[in-house]
Protein backbone atom coordinates (compact mmCIF):
# COMPACT_ATOMS: atom_id res chain seq x y z
CA MET A 1 56.36 17.24 131.92
CA ALA A 2 59.64 15.96 130.47
CA LEU A 3 58.90 17.87 127.30
CA CYS A 4 58.07 21.00 129.31
CA ALA A 5 61.39 20.69 131.25
CA ILE A 6 63.33 20.32 127.99
CA ILE A 7 61.58 23.36 126.42
CA SER A 8 62.18 25.41 129.68
CA ALA A 9 65.87 24.31 129.72
CA THR A 10 66.29 25.34 126.08
CA MET A 11 64.63 28.77 126.78
CA VAL A 12 66.85 29.40 129.81
CA GLY A 13 69.89 28.51 127.71
CA ALA A 14 68.94 30.89 124.97
CA MET A 15 68.22 33.59 127.34
CA ALA A 16 71.58 33.04 129.08
CA LYS A 17 73.35 33.24 125.82
CA LEU A 18 71.50 36.40 124.79
CA VAL A 19 72.30 38.10 128.21
CA GLU A 20 76.03 37.13 127.70
CA ALA A 21 75.99 38.53 124.26
CA THR A 22 74.52 41.77 125.39
CA GLU A 23 76.97 42.13 128.20
CA ASP A 24 79.98 41.49 125.81
CA ASN A 25 78.41 44.17 123.35
CA GLU A 26 78.25 46.61 126.22
CA LEU A 27 81.90 45.78 127.29
CA VAL A 28 82.95 46.61 123.85
CA LEU A 29 81.17 50.12 124.01
CA LYS A 30 82.64 50.80 127.46
CA ALA A 31 86.14 49.91 126.23
CA LYS A 32 86.09 52.93 124.01
CA THR A 33 86.36 55.17 127.05
CA GLN A 34 87.06 52.96 129.99
CA ALA A 35 90.56 51.29 130.56
CA GLY A 36 89.15 48.69 132.79
CA ALA A 37 86.70 47.33 130.07
CA LEU A 38 89.50 47.44 127.53
CA GLY A 39 91.49 45.35 129.96
CA GLU A 40 88.70 42.78 130.17
CA LEU A 41 88.64 42.44 126.29
CA TYR A 42 92.42 42.02 126.47
CA GLU A 43 91.91 39.05 129.03
CA MET A 44 89.21 37.55 126.89
CA TYR A 45 91.16 37.63 123.70
CA TYR A 46 94.85 37.35 124.41
CA GLU A 47 95.17 33.69 124.33
CA ARG A 48 93.14 33.36 121.08
CA ILE A 49 95.14 36.11 119.30
CA PHE A 50 98.39 34.56 120.61
CA ARG A 51 97.31 31.10 119.39
CA PHE A 52 96.59 32.68 115.92
CA CYS A 53 99.95 34.29 115.76
CA VAL A 54 101.80 31.04 116.82
CA HIS A 55 99.83 29.21 113.95
CA ARG A 56 100.66 32.01 111.64
CA LEU A 57 104.46 32.48 112.46
CA PHE A 58 105.44 29.06 114.02
CA ASN A 59 107.49 30.66 116.74
CA LYS A 60 106.14 31.44 120.27
CA GLU A 61 108.61 34.21 121.17
CA ILE A 62 107.81 36.04 117.78
CA ALA A 63 104.14 35.42 118.36
CA GLU A 64 104.23 37.03 121.72
CA ASP A 65 105.88 40.09 120.28
CA VAL A 66 103.38 40.32 117.40
CA THR A 67 100.54 39.85 119.85
CA SER A 68 101.73 42.67 122.01
CA ALA A 69 101.85 44.89 118.93
CA VAL A 70 98.33 43.84 117.97
CA PHE A 71 96.86 44.92 121.38
CA LEU A 72 98.92 47.99 121.37
CA GLN A 73 97.40 48.92 118.10
CA VAL A 74 93.94 48.10 119.58
CA ALA A 75 94.54 50.33 122.55
CA ARG A 76 95.55 53.24 120.32
CA GLY A 77 92.61 52.91 118.03
CA MET A 78 89.84 51.70 120.32
CA ARG A 79 88.42 55.35 120.64
CA ASP A 80 87.93 55.48 116.97
CA PHE A 81 86.61 51.97 116.58
CA THR A 82 83.30 52.23 114.95
CA GLY A 83 81.97 48.84 115.77
CA ARG A 84 79.07 48.35 118.07
CA SER A 85 79.18 44.71 118.97
CA GLU A 86 81.54 42.03 120.28
CA GLN A 87 81.49 40.43 116.86
CA ASP A 88 82.56 43.70 115.17
CA PHE A 89 85.32 43.93 117.80
CA ARG A 90 86.46 40.31 117.16
CA ASN A 91 86.55 40.81 113.37
CA TRP A 92 88.54 44.04 113.75
CA LEU A 93 90.99 42.34 116.14
CA TYR A 94 91.70 39.33 113.97
CA ALA A 95 92.02 41.65 111.03
CA ILE A 96 94.78 43.62 112.88
CA ALA A 97 96.44 40.32 113.91
CA ALA A 98 96.56 39.07 110.35
CA ASN A 99 97.95 42.39 109.15
CA GLN A 100 100.63 42.43 111.96
CA ALA A 101 101.76 38.94 111.10
CA ASN A 102 102.00 39.76 107.40
CA ALA A 103 103.91 42.91 108.16
CA TYR A 104 106.40 41.03 110.50
CA ILE A 105 107.16 38.61 107.77
CA ARG A 106 107.71 41.33 105.08
CA ARG A 107 109.49 43.65 107.44
CA THR A 108 112.07 41.20 108.87
CA SER A 109 112.65 39.09 105.70
CA ARG A 110 112.67 36.00 108.00
CA ARG A 111 110.80 33.75 105.66
CA LYS A 112 113.71 31.22 105.31
CA LYS A 113 114.29 31.17 109.07
CA LEU A 114 110.47 30.59 109.73
CA LEU A 115 110.63 27.87 107.25
CA ALA A 116 113.41 26.20 109.12
CA GLU A 117 111.65 26.51 112.39
CA ALA A 118 108.45 25.20 110.81
CA THR A 119 110.36 21.85 110.10
CA GLY A 120 110.99 21.42 113.82
CA SER A 121 108.75 19.70 116.37
CA MET A 122 106.12 22.33 116.99
CA ILE A 123 102.68 20.67 116.13
CA PRO A 124 99.84 22.65 117.59
CA ALA A 125 97.38 20.50 119.62
CA ALA A 126 94.61 22.34 117.96
CA ALA A 127 95.70 20.89 114.63
CA GLY A 128 95.46 17.32 115.84
CA SER A 129 92.80 14.98 114.43
CA ALA A 130 90.53 12.63 116.49
CA ASP A 131 91.34 9.97 113.85
CA THR A 132 94.66 8.58 115.14
CA SER A 133 94.95 6.34 112.05
CA PHE A 134 96.25 9.39 109.95
CA GLU A 135 98.82 11.75 111.08
CA PRO A 136 99.89 14.45 108.46
CA ASP A 137 103.48 15.28 107.80
CA TRP A 138 103.35 18.54 109.88
CA PRO A 139 106.79 19.90 108.97
CA ARG A 140 106.22 19.48 105.24
CA LEU A 141 102.63 20.80 105.50
CA TYR A 142 103.84 23.86 107.50
CA ALA A 143 106.53 24.33 104.93
CA ALA A 144 103.97 24.22 102.10
CA ILE A 145 101.68 26.70 103.95
CA LEU A 146 104.64 29.11 104.26
CA ARG A 147 105.04 29.26 100.54
CA LEU A 148 101.52 30.60 100.14
CA LYS A 149 100.71 34.19 99.68
CA PRO A 150 100.27 35.92 103.16
CA LYS A 151 96.49 36.44 102.67
CA HIS A 152 96.11 32.68 101.77
CA GLN A 153 98.05 31.80 104.84
CA THR A 154 95.69 33.76 106.88
CA ILE A 155 92.68 32.03 105.36
CA VAL A 156 94.15 28.60 106.20
CA THR A 157 95.02 29.64 109.66
CA LEU A 158 91.62 31.03 110.35
CA LYS A 159 89.72 28.11 108.89
CA PHE A 160 91.77 25.14 110.02
CA PHE A 161 93.48 26.39 113.25
CA GLU A 162 90.86 28.87 114.65
CA ASN A 163 87.83 26.99 113.35
CA PHE A 164 86.26 30.12 111.91
CA SER A 165 83.33 29.82 109.60
CA TYR A 166 83.46 31.07 105.99
CA GLN A 167 81.25 33.96 107.03
CA GLN A 168 83.52 35.04 109.75
CA ILE A 169 86.59 34.79 107.63
CA ALA A 170 84.98 36.88 104.93
CA GLN A 171 83.96 39.55 107.64
CA ILE A 172 87.53 39.68 108.83
CA LEU A 173 89.15 39.94 105.43
CA ASP A 174 86.38 42.20 104.20
CA VAL A 175 85.51 40.09 101.17
CA LYS A 176 82.50 37.95 100.04
CA GLU A 177 81.88 34.64 101.61
CA ALA A 178 81.90 32.95 98.16
CA THR A 179 85.32 34.42 97.49
CA VAL A 180 86.73 32.73 100.75
CA ARG A 181 85.12 29.40 99.73
CA VAL A 182 86.60 29.51 96.16
CA THR A 183 90.08 30.72 97.37
CA LEU A 184 90.28 28.17 99.96
CA HIS A 185 89.37 25.42 97.44
CA ARG A 186 92.24 26.66 95.22
CA ILE A 187 94.52 26.90 98.26
CA LEU A 188 93.97 23.29 99.11
CA ASN A 189 94.50 22.13 95.62
CA GLN A 190 97.65 24.15 95.54
CA LEU A 191 98.90 22.46 98.93
CA ARG A 192 98.02 18.93 97.64
CA ASN A 193 100.02 19.49 94.60
CA GLN A 194 103.01 20.75 96.32
CA LEU A 195 102.99 17.80 98.82
CA GLN A 196 102.42 15.32 96.04
CA THR A 197 105.46 16.74 94.19
CA VAL A 198 107.60 16.26 97.25
CA TYR A 199 106.45 12.72 97.90
CA ASP A 200 106.84 11.74 94.13
CA GLY A 201 110.33 13.06 94.34
CA GLU A 202 111.27 10.54 97.03
CA ILE A 203 109.98 7.47 95.36
């Protein structure tokens, strides 16, 4: 009886997820023509996109402005959006967010100011580790991240702050999954070398 109960609960859970996914897919399709459905997608994703922009730009006020620009672009382009599922929408949305963040940095020439702000006390809770025996030097780590290419900054943000899989990142950036894995490996080596150089210089 216990085994039957477990199997039954598993099936119910799986069915619930399937229904939820189907409803989200239908919501995306409705959002192409219905403002109310688009508003629901906004509510679903605003905090996630805002958090991504904060991690990408290290400034909440700037992140709010960029997040607004992201959803404005979504509203303008939703009718022409060719995706058919919630996953398609999510990939499209994060790609827009990454492009908007990169465009902001290029357009305003604020890299030095962002770097200075990154050395402040803003440490995203999502970046914390359960292992309290080790606490990274966040200001230096952020400063090192800001010296990466914009595309590489996006990969780091999606992987370590948004907890996206390699497959999801590949879909958002429209590259192969293997490319993301190799690129991230190189990025991490670059960050380690940069941070090691800083620490060696203090000895």
